[in-house]
Amino acid sequence: MQEQLRDRGQERDREQHGLLRMGLAEVYNPSMQPSLYPGDQLVVRYGVPVRPGDVVVLRHPFRQDLLIVKRAVERREGGWWVMGDNPDVENDSREFGAVPDELVVARAWLRVRPLPGRTGRRGQLSTAGLLSWALSAVRPVRSRSRARDAVRGVGAASAGRPASRRLRAR
């Protein structure tokens, strides 16, 4: 199953002319669930450094006209090892190996969930439903390592301290 994105920006023009280094992409397939779902919009930043754990937009190594979204896991010889968050979808480096740097197009910055009425569901959205959507629709796309630390309750400032000090600081 291929993860497809529609890049709404003019990527090549940006690269060649140094114009605004941000764009929009839409997620089409489930390879990044539960982090990203089909229909989610990504605000992406072109030309920014990639770190392990970042969600990136890249050209598929076998079909370079196809843009895909994956998580950059680590640097390896030959480029980035990328994987989807959904273990049931294997269209990632397990299939095509490390991805050369020149195929990495952008890093995801924000995720915008679609309005519930646009996902195929019928009916009107209540005021409470609209408010709930508005409060949760736009979120930063977090790297896996930072997201994991947040779940554990370990912030950047306390990550180097012994566990006993972190527990007392809560």
N, C-alpha and C. Protein backbone atom coordinates (compact mmCIF):
# COMPACT_ATOMS: atom_id res chain seq x y z
N MET A 1 0.86 -1.18 0.00
CA MET A 1 0.00 0.00 0.00
C MET A 1 0.90 1.24 0.00
N GLN A 2 0.65 2.17 -0.85
CA GLN A 2 1.50 3.33 -0.97
C GLN A 2 0.88 4.53 -0.25
N GLU A 3 1.70 5.24 0.47
CA GLU A 3 1.28 6.46 1.16
C GLU A 3 1.45 7.60 0.19
N GLN A 4 0.36 8.22 -0.21
CA GLN A 4 0.45 9.30 -1.18
C GLN A 4 0.14 10.62 -0.51
N LEU A 5 0.80 11.63 -0.98
CA LEU A 5 0.58 12.99 -0.53
C LEU A 5 0.33 13.86 -1.74
N ARG A 6 -0.49 14.85 -1.57
CA ARG A 6 -0.64 15.84 -2.62
C ARG A 6 0.07 17.09 -2.13
N ASP A 7 1.12 17.49 -2.80
CA ASP A 7 1.87 18.67 -2.43
C ASP A 7 1.23 19.86 -3.11
N ARG A 8 0.67 20.76 -2.32
CA ARG A 8 -0.03 21.90 -2.90
C ARG A 8 0.91 23.05 -3.25
N GLY A 9 2.15 22.99 -2.78
CA GLY A 9 3.09 24.05 -3.09
C GLY A 9 3.79 23.80 -4.40
N GLN A 10 4.56 24.72 -4.83
CA GLN A 10 5.35 24.57 -6.04
C GLN A 10 6.77 24.25 -5.60
N GLU A 11 7.00 23.01 -5.22
CA GLU A 11 8.25 22.58 -4.60
C GLU A 11 9.47 22.95 -5.43
N ARG A 12 9.45 22.65 -6.70
CA ARG A 12 10.63 22.92 -7.53
C ARG A 12 10.91 24.41 -7.64
N ASP A 13 9.86 25.23 -7.77
CA ASP A 13 10.06 26.67 -7.83
C ASP A 13 10.69 27.17 -6.54
N ARG A 14 10.24 26.64 -5.42
CA ARG A 14 10.80 27.05 -4.13
C ARG A 14 12.28 26.70 -4.05
N GLU A 15 12.61 25.48 -4.47
CA GLU A 15 14.00 25.05 -4.41
C GLU A 15 14.88 25.90 -5.32
N GLN A 16 14.39 26.21 -6.51
CA GLN A 16 15.19 26.94 -7.47
C GLN A 16 15.27 28.43 -7.18
N HIS A 17 14.20 29.01 -6.68
CA HIS A 17 14.16 30.46 -6.51
C HIS A 17 14.23 30.91 -5.06
N GLY A 18 14.28 29.99 -4.11
CA GLY A 18 14.40 30.35 -2.71
C GLY A 18 13.19 31.11 -2.17
N LEU A 19 12.00 30.81 -2.70
CA LEU A 19 10.80 31.49 -2.24
C LEU A 19 10.38 30.93 -0.88
N LEU A 20 9.22 31.33 -0.42
CA LEU A 20 8.69 30.88 0.87
C LEU A 20 8.95 29.39 1.05
N ARG A 21 9.52 29.01 2.15
CA ARG A 21 9.97 27.64 2.37
C ARG A 21 8.94 26.80 3.12
N MET A 22 7.65 27.08 2.93
CA MET A 22 6.60 26.29 3.56
C MET A 22 5.57 25.88 2.52
N GLY A 23 4.84 24.82 2.80
CA GLY A 23 3.81 24.36 1.89
C GLY A 23 2.82 23.47 2.61
N LEU A 24 1.85 22.96 1.87
CA LEU A 24 0.83 22.05 2.40
C LEU A 24 0.92 20.72 1.68
N ALA A 25 0.66 19.67 2.41
CA ALA A 25 0.58 18.33 1.84
C ALA A 25 -0.59 17.63 2.51
N GLU A 26 -1.24 16.72 1.78
CA GLU A 26 -2.38 15.98 2.33
C GLU A 26 -2.02 14.51 2.42
N VAL A 27 -2.33 13.90 3.55
CA VAL A 27 -2.08 12.48 3.76
C VAL A 27 -3.23 11.69 3.15
N TYR A 28 -2.90 10.65 2.39
CA TYR A 28 -3.92 9.85 1.73
C TYR A 28 -4.05 8.43 2.28
N ASN A 29 -3.00 7.85 2.83
CA ASN A 29 -3.03 6.45 3.25
C ASN A 29 -2.67 6.30 4.72
N PRO A 30 -2.90 5.11 5.29
CA PRO A 30 -2.79 4.92 6.74
C PRO A 30 -1.41 4.53 7.28
N SER A 31 -0.34 4.71 6.54
CA SER A 31 0.95 4.21 7.02
C SER A 31 1.47 4.94 8.25
N MET A 32 0.96 6.13 8.55
CA MET A 32 1.45 6.88 9.71
C MET A 32 0.46 6.89 10.87
N GLN A 33 -0.59 6.06 10.81
CA GLN A 33 -1.51 5.97 11.93
C GLN A 33 -0.79 5.33 13.11
N PRO A 34 -1.01 5.78 14.31
CA PRO A 34 -2.03 6.70 14.79
C PRO A 34 -1.61 8.17 14.81
N SER A 35 -0.41 8.49 14.35
CA SER A 35 0.03 9.89 14.37
C SER A 35 -0.70 10.74 13.35
N LEU A 36 -0.85 10.24 12.14
CA LEU A 36 -1.50 10.95 11.04
C LEU A 36 -2.52 10.04 10.39
N TYR A 37 -3.63 10.61 9.95
CA TYR A 37 -4.70 9.84 9.32
C TYR A 37 -4.97 10.37 7.92
N PRO A 38 -5.52 9.52 7.05
CA PRO A 38 -5.91 10.01 5.73
C PRO A 38 -6.83 11.22 5.87
N GLY A 39 -6.56 12.24 5.08
CA GLY A 39 -7.32 13.49 5.15
C GLY A 39 -6.63 14.57 5.96
N ASP A 40 -5.67 14.20 6.81
CA ASP A 40 -4.91 15.21 7.55
C ASP A 40 -4.11 16.06 6.58
N GLN A 41 -4.03 17.33 6.88
CA GLN A 41 -3.19 18.26 6.12
C GLN A 41 -1.92 18.48 6.93
N LEU A 42 -0.79 18.56 6.23
CA LEU A 42 0.48 18.85 6.89
C LEU A 42 1.00 20.19 6.40
N VAL A 43 1.39 21.03 7.32
CA VAL A 43 2.15 22.22 6.97
C VAL A 43 3.60 21.78 7.04
N VAL A 44 4.29 21.87 5.90
CA VAL A 44 5.66 21.37 5.82
C VAL A 44 6.63 22.52 5.61
N ARG A 45 7.85 22.30 6.04
CA ARG A 45 8.92 23.28 5.88
C ARG A 45 10.01 22.66 5.01
N TYR A 46 10.32 23.35 3.91
CA TYR A 46 11.35 22.89 2.99
C TYR A 46 12.72 23.36 3.45
N GLY A 47 13.73 22.54 3.21
CA GLY A 47 15.11 22.95 3.45
C GLY A 47 15.53 23.04 4.90
N VAL A 48 14.77 22.46 5.83
CA VAL A 48 15.17 22.49 7.23
C VAL A 48 15.85 21.17 7.58
N PRO A 49 16.76 21.19 8.53
CA PRO A 49 17.46 19.95 8.88
C PRO A 49 16.51 18.91 9.44
N VAL A 50 16.81 17.66 9.16
CA VAL A 50 16.02 16.53 9.65
C VAL A 50 16.77 15.89 10.81
N ARG A 51 16.03 15.55 11.85
CA ARG A 51 16.60 14.86 13.01
C ARG A 51 15.87 13.54 13.19
N PRO A 52 16.51 12.57 13.82
CA PRO A 52 15.81 11.31 14.08
C PRO A 52 14.51 11.56 14.85
N GLY A 53 13.44 10.91 14.40
CA GLY A 53 12.13 11.08 15.02
C GLY A 53 11.23 12.04 14.29
N ASP A 54 11.77 12.86 13.38
CA ASP A 54 10.97 13.82 12.63
C ASP A 54 10.11 13.13 11.58
N VAL A 55 8.93 13.69 11.33
CA VAL A 55 8.08 13.24 10.23
C VAL A 55 8.50 14.02 9.00
N VAL A 56 8.79 13.29 7.91
CA VAL A 56 9.30 13.93 6.70
C VAL A 56 8.47 13.56 5.48
N VAL A 57 8.50 14.43 4.50
CA VAL A 57 7.92 14.17 3.19
C VAL A 57 9.10 13.88 2.27
N LEU A 58 9.00 12.78 1.52
CA LEU A 58 10.11 12.39 0.65
C LEU A 58 9.59 11.81 -0.64
N ARG A 59 10.47 11.75 -1.60
CA ARG A 59 10.14 11.10 -2.87
C ARG A 59 10.37 9.60 -2.70
N HIS A 60 9.43 8.81 -3.17
CA HIS A 60 9.58 7.36 -3.09
C HIS A 60 10.80 6.96 -3.93
N PRO A 61 11.72 6.18 -3.38
CA PRO A 61 12.94 5.83 -4.11
C PRO A 61 12.70 5.10 -5.42
N PHE A 62 11.61 4.35 -5.55
CA PHE A 62 11.35 3.60 -6.77
C PHE A 62 10.44 4.36 -7.74
N ARG A 63 9.67 5.31 -7.23
CA ARG A 63 8.75 6.12 -8.05
C ARG A 63 8.90 7.56 -7.60
N GLN A 64 9.85 8.26 -8.16
CA GLN A 64 10.17 9.59 -7.65
C GLN A 64 9.11 10.64 -7.94
N ASP A 65 8.09 10.29 -8.73
CA ASP A 65 6.97 11.21 -8.93
C ASP A 65 5.96 11.10 -7.79
N LEU A 66 6.16 10.14 -6.88
CA LEU A 66 5.25 9.89 -5.77
C LEU A 66 5.86 10.42 -4.48
N LEU A 67 5.14 11.31 -3.79
CA LEU A 67 5.58 11.81 -2.49
C LEU A 67 4.97 10.95 -1.40
N ILE A 68 5.76 10.63 -0.38
CA ILE A 68 5.29 9.82 0.73
C ILE A 68 5.67 10.51 2.04
N VAL A 69 5.00 10.13 3.11
CA VAL A 69 5.31 10.68 4.43
C VAL A 69 5.72 9.53 5.33
N LYS A 70 6.83 9.72 6.02
CA LYS A 70 7.37 8.70 6.93
C LYS A 70 8.07 9.39 8.08
N ARG A 71 8.47 8.59 9.06
CA ARG A 71 9.25 9.10 10.18
C ARG A 71 10.72 8.77 9.94
N ALA A 72 11.58 9.76 10.04
CA ALA A 72 13.03 9.55 9.91
C ALA A 72 13.50 8.88 11.20
N VAL A 73 13.99 7.65 11.09
CA VAL A 73 14.36 6.89 12.28
C VAL A 73 15.82 7.15 12.64
N GLU A 74 16.71 6.99 11.66
CA GLU A 74 18.13 7.19 11.93
C GLU A 74 18.90 7.37 10.63
N ARG A 75 20.11 7.94 10.79
CA ARG A 75 21.00 8.05 9.65
C ARG A 75 21.72 6.73 9.47
N ARG A 76 21.82 6.30 8.23
CA ARG A 76 22.59 5.10 7.88
C ARG A 76 23.43 5.41 6.67
N GLU A 77 24.30 4.50 6.34
CA GLU A 77 25.07 4.68 5.12
C GLU A 77 24.10 4.73 3.95
N GLY A 78 24.15 5.77 3.18
CA GLY A 78 23.26 5.93 2.04
C GLY A 78 22.08 6.84 2.30
N GLY A 79 21.86 7.28 3.53
CA GLY A 79 20.77 8.22 3.78
C GLY A 79 19.98 7.93 5.04
N TRP A 80 18.70 8.31 5.00
CA TRP A 80 17.81 8.16 6.15
C TRP A 80 17.05 6.85 6.10
N TRP A 81 17.01 6.16 7.23
CA TRP A 81 16.14 5.00 7.40
C TRP A 81 14.80 5.55 7.85
N VAL A 82 13.75 5.32 7.07
CA VAL A 82 12.43 5.89 7.37
C VAL A 82 11.42 4.77 7.56
N MET A 83 10.47 5.00 8.46
CA MET A 83 9.42 4.00 8.71
C MET A 83 8.11 4.71 9.01
N GLY A 84 7.01 4.03 8.70
CA GLY A 84 5.70 4.51 9.07
C GLY A 84 5.41 4.13 10.51
N ASP A 85 4.48 4.83 11.14
CA ASP A 85 4.11 4.52 12.52
C ASP A 85 3.17 3.32 12.59
N ASN A 86 2.53 2.96 11.48
CA ASN A 86 1.61 1.84 11.44
C ASN A 86 2.40 0.57 11.12
N PRO A 87 2.53 -0.37 12.07
CA PRO A 87 3.34 -1.57 11.83
C PRO A 87 2.77 -2.50 10.76
N ASP A 88 1.49 -2.33 10.41
CA ASP A 88 0.88 -3.20 9.41
C ASP A 88 1.17 -2.77 7.97
N VAL A 89 1.73 -1.59 7.78
CA VAL A 89 2.05 -1.09 6.44
C VAL A 89 3.57 -1.04 6.31
N GLU A 90 4.10 -1.78 5.35
CA GLU A 90 5.55 -1.92 5.23
C GLU A 90 6.15 -1.13 4.07
N ASN A 91 5.47 -0.15 3.55
CA ASN A 91 6.02 0.64 2.45
C ASN A 91 6.97 1.69 3.02
N ASP A 92 8.13 1.23 3.46
CA ASP A 92 9.12 2.12 4.06
C ASP A 92 10.50 1.53 3.84
N SER A 93 11.48 1.91 4.62
CA SER A 93 12.86 1.46 4.40
C SER A 93 13.02 -0.05 4.54
N ARG A 94 12.09 -0.72 5.20
CA ARG A 94 12.14 -2.18 5.23
C ARG A 94 11.98 -2.75 3.82
N GLU A 95 11.31 -2.00 2.95
CA GLU A 95 11.09 -2.42 1.57
C GLU A 95 12.13 -1.84 0.62
N PHE A 96 12.48 -0.55 0.78
CA PHE A 96 13.34 0.10 -0.20
C PHE A 96 14.68 0.59 0.33
N GLY A 97 15.01 0.31 1.58
CA GLY A 97 16.32 0.68 2.12
C GLY A 97 16.40 2.15 2.51
N ALA A 98 17.62 2.59 2.77
CA ALA A 98 17.84 3.98 3.19
C ALA A 98 17.52 4.93 2.04
N VAL A 99 17.01 6.09 2.39
CA VAL A 99 16.60 7.09 1.40
C VAL A 99 17.67 8.18 1.33
N PRO A 100 18.24 8.41 0.14
CA PRO A 100 19.26 9.45 0.00
C PRO A 100 18.72 10.83 0.39
N ASP A 101 19.60 11.67 0.91
CA ASP A 101 19.21 13.02 1.36
C ASP A 101 18.48 13.81 0.28
N GLU A 102 18.90 13.65 -0.98
CA GLU A 102 18.29 14.45 -2.04
C GLU A 102 16.82 14.09 -2.30
N LEU A 103 16.35 12.96 -1.77
CA LEU A 103 14.94 12.58 -1.93
C LEU A 103 14.07 13.09 -0.78
N VAL A 104 14.69 13.58 0.29
CA VAL A 104 13.93 14.15 1.41
C VAL A 104 13.54 15.57 1.01
N VAL A 105 12.24 15.81 0.91
CA VAL A 105 11.71 17.07 0.38
C VAL A 105 11.48 18.09 1.49
N ALA A 106 10.85 17.68 2.59
CA ALA A 106 10.44 18.63 3.62
C ALA A 106 10.24 17.91 4.95
N ARG A 107 10.17 18.70 5.99
CA ARG A 107 9.87 18.17 7.33
C ARG A 107 8.50 18.70 7.74
N ALA A 108 7.65 17.82 8.28
CA ALA A 108 6.32 18.22 8.73
C ALA A 108 6.44 19.09 9.97
N TRP A 109 5.65 20.15 10.01
CA TRP A 109 5.70 21.09 11.12
C TRP A 109 4.39 21.06 11.91
N LEU A 110 3.26 21.18 11.20
CA LEU A 110 1.96 21.16 11.85
C LEU A 110 1.05 20.16 11.17
N ARG A 111 0.14 19.58 11.95
CA ARG A 111 -0.88 18.69 11.42
C ARG A 111 -2.24 19.37 11.62
N VAL A 112 -3.04 19.41 10.57
CA VAL A 112 -4.38 19.98 10.66
C VAL A 112 -5.37 18.89 10.30
N ARG A 113 -6.20 18.50 11.25
CA ARG A 113 -7.22 17.48 11.00
C ARG A 113 -8.33 18.11 10.16
N PRO A 114 -8.96 17.32 9.28
CA PRO A 114 -10.05 17.87 8.49
C PRO A 114 -11.29 18.11 9.35
N LEU A 115 -12.10 19.03 8.91
CA LEU A 115 -13.38 19.29 9.58
C LEU A 115 -14.21 18.02 9.50
N PRO A 116 -14.84 17.56 10.58
CA PRO A 116 -15.56 16.29 10.56
C PRO A 116 -16.55 16.12 9.42
N GLY A 117 -17.22 17.15 8.99
CA GLY A 117 -18.17 17.05 7.89
C GLY A 117 -17.52 16.75 6.56
N ARG A 118 -16.20 16.97 6.44
CA ARG A 118 -15.49 16.75 5.17
C ARG A 118 -14.95 15.33 5.05
N THR A 119 -15.10 14.51 6.06
CA THR A 119 -14.53 13.17 6.00
C THR A 119 -15.53 12.13 5.53
N GLY A 120 -16.64 12.56 4.98
CA GLY A 120 -17.61 11.61 4.46
C GLY A 120 -18.80 11.39 5.37
N ARG A 121 -18.72 11.90 6.61
CA ARG A 121 -19.85 11.74 7.52
C ARG A 121 -20.93 12.75 7.17
N ARG A 122 -22.16 12.36 7.35
CA ARG A 122 -23.28 13.25 7.05
C ARG A 122 -23.77 13.89 8.34
N GLY A 123 -24.49 14.96 8.19
CA GLY A 123 -25.05 15.65 9.35
C GLY A 123 -24.29 16.92 9.62
N GLN A 124 -24.89 17.75 10.47
CA GLN A 124 -24.27 19.02 10.80
C GLN A 124 -23.47 18.89 12.08
N LEU A 125 -22.48 19.72 12.17
CA LEU A 125 -21.62 19.73 13.34
C LEU A 125 -22.22 20.67 14.39
N SER A 126 -22.38 20.20 15.61
CA SER A 126 -22.91 21.05 16.68
C SER A 126 -21.87 22.10 17.05
N THR A 127 -22.30 23.10 17.78
CA THR A 127 -21.39 24.14 18.24
C THR A 127 -20.30 23.53 19.12
N ALA A 128 -20.70 22.62 20.00
CA ALA A 128 -19.72 21.95 20.87
C ALA A 128 -18.75 21.11 20.03
N GLY A 129 -19.28 20.42 19.01
CA GLY A 129 -18.42 19.63 18.14
C GLY A 129 -17.43 20.49 17.37
N LEU A 130 -17.90 21.64 16.89
CA LEU A 130 -17.03 22.57 16.16
C LEU A 130 -15.95 23.12 17.08
N LEU A 131 -16.33 23.47 18.30
CA LEU A 131 -15.36 23.98 19.27
C LEU A 131 -14.33 22.91 19.61
N SER A 132 -14.79 21.69 19.81
CA SER A 132 -13.88 20.58 20.10
C SER A 132 -12.90 20.37 18.95
N TRP A 133 -13.42 20.42 17.71
CA TRP A 133 -12.54 20.27 16.55
C TRP A 133 -11.52 21.40 16.51
N ALA A 134 -11.99 22.63 16.73
CA ALA A 134 -11.09 23.79 16.65
C ALA A 134 -9.96 23.71 17.67
N LEU A 135 -10.26 23.17 18.84
CA LEU A 135 -9.23 23.08 19.88
C LEU A 135 -8.22 21.96 19.63
N SER A 136 -8.60 20.97 18.83
CA SER A 136 -7.70 19.84 18.63
C SER A 136 -7.21 19.69 17.19
N ALA A 137 -7.70 20.50 16.28
CA ALA A 137 -7.41 20.30 14.85
C ALA A 137 -5.96 20.61 14.48
N VAL A 138 -5.41 21.66 15.05
CA VAL A 138 -4.06 22.07 14.68
C VAL A 138 -3.11 21.70 15.81
N ARG A 139 -2.17 20.85 15.50
CA ARG A 139 -1.18 20.41 16.48
C ARG A 139 0.19 20.33 15.82
N PRO A 140 1.24 20.62 16.57
CA PRO A 140 2.57 20.42 16.01
C PRO A 140 2.80 18.93 15.75
N VAL A 141 3.53 18.63 14.70
CA VAL A 141 3.92 17.24 14.44
C VAL A 141 5.18 17.03 15.25
N ARG A 142 5.06 16.21 16.27
CA ARG A 142 6.17 16.01 17.20
C ARG A 142 7.01 14.83 16.78
N SER A 143 8.28 14.93 17.09
CA SER A 143 9.14 13.79 16.81
C SER A 143 8.80 12.70 17.80
N ARG A 144 9.05 11.48 17.43
CA ARG A 144 8.69 10.35 18.28
C ARG A 144 9.43 10.41 19.60
N SER A 145 10.69 10.79 19.61
CA SER A 145 11.44 10.81 20.87
C SER A 145 10.87 11.85 21.82
N ARG A 146 10.52 13.04 21.32
CA ARG A 146 9.92 14.06 22.19
C ARG A 146 8.54 13.63 22.65
N ALA A 147 7.77 13.00 21.76
CA ALA A 147 6.43 12.53 22.15
C ALA A 147 6.53 11.46 23.22
N ARG A 148 7.49 10.55 23.09
CA ARG A 148 7.67 9.49 24.07
C ARG A 148 8.07 10.09 25.42
N ASP A 149 8.97 11.10 25.42
CA ASP A 149 9.37 11.74 26.66
C ASP A 149 8.19 12.43 27.33
N ALA A 150 7.30 13.04 26.54
CA ALA A 150 6.15 13.73 27.12
C ALA A 150 5.22 12.73 27.82
N VAL A 151 5.05 11.56 27.22
CA VAL A 151 4.21 10.53 27.83
C VAL A 151 4.81 10.07 29.14
N ARG A 152 6.13 9.94 29.17
CA ARG A 152 6.81 9.50 30.39
C ARG A 152 6.88 10.60 31.44
N GLY A 153 6.61 11.85 31.03
CA GLY A 153 6.71 12.96 31.97
C GLY A 153 8.11 13.50 32.09
N VAL A 154 8.95 13.25 31.10
CA VAL A 154 10.32 13.71 31.14
C VAL A 154 10.47 14.86 30.16
N GLY A 155 10.68 16.05 30.66
CA GLY A 155 10.91 17.19 29.79
C GLY A 155 12.38 17.30 29.44
N ALA A 156 12.69 18.20 28.53
CA ALA A 156 14.08 18.37 28.10
C ALA A 156 14.95 18.79 29.27
N ALA A 157 14.41 19.62 30.18
CA ALA A 157 15.20 20.10 31.30
C ALA A 157 15.49 19.01 32.31
N SER A 158 14.59 18.04 32.45
CA SER A 158 14.78 17.02 33.48
C SER A 158 15.34 15.71 32.93
N ALA A 159 15.55 15.63 31.62
CA ALA A 159 15.96 14.37 31.02
C ALA A 159 17.30 13.88 31.55
N GLY A 160 18.20 14.78 31.90
CA GLY A 160 19.51 14.36 32.37
C GLY A 160 19.58 14.13 33.87
N ARG A 161 18.55 14.50 34.62
CA ARG A 161 18.57 14.34 36.07
C ARG A 161 18.24 12.91 36.47
N PRO A 162 18.72 12.49 37.64
CA PRO A 162 18.33 11.17 38.13
C PRO A 162 16.83 11.08 38.34
N ALA A 163 16.30 9.86 38.27
CA ALA A 163 14.85 9.65 38.38
C ALA A 163 14.32 10.18 39.72
N SER A 164 15.08 10.05 40.78
CA SER A 164 14.59 10.51 42.08
C SER A 164 14.36 12.02 42.08
N ARG A 165 15.22 12.80 41.43
CA ARG A 165 15.04 14.25 41.36
C ARG A 165 13.84 14.60 40.49
N ARG A 166 13.64 13.84 39.37
CA ARG A 166 12.50 14.12 38.51
C ARG A 166 11.20 13.86 39.26
N LEU A 167 11.17 12.78 40.05
CA LEU A 167 9.96 12.45 40.77
C LEU A 167 9.65 13.49 41.84
N ARG A 168 10.66 14.00 42.49
CA ARG A 168 10.44 15.02 43.51
C ARG A 168 9.98 16.33 42.90
N ALA A 169 10.40 16.60 41.67
CA ALA A 169 10.06 17.88 41.03
C ALA A 169 8.61 17.91 40.57
N ARG A 170 7.95 16.77 40.50
CA ARG A 170 6.56 16.74 40.04
C ARG A 170 5.73 17.35 41.07
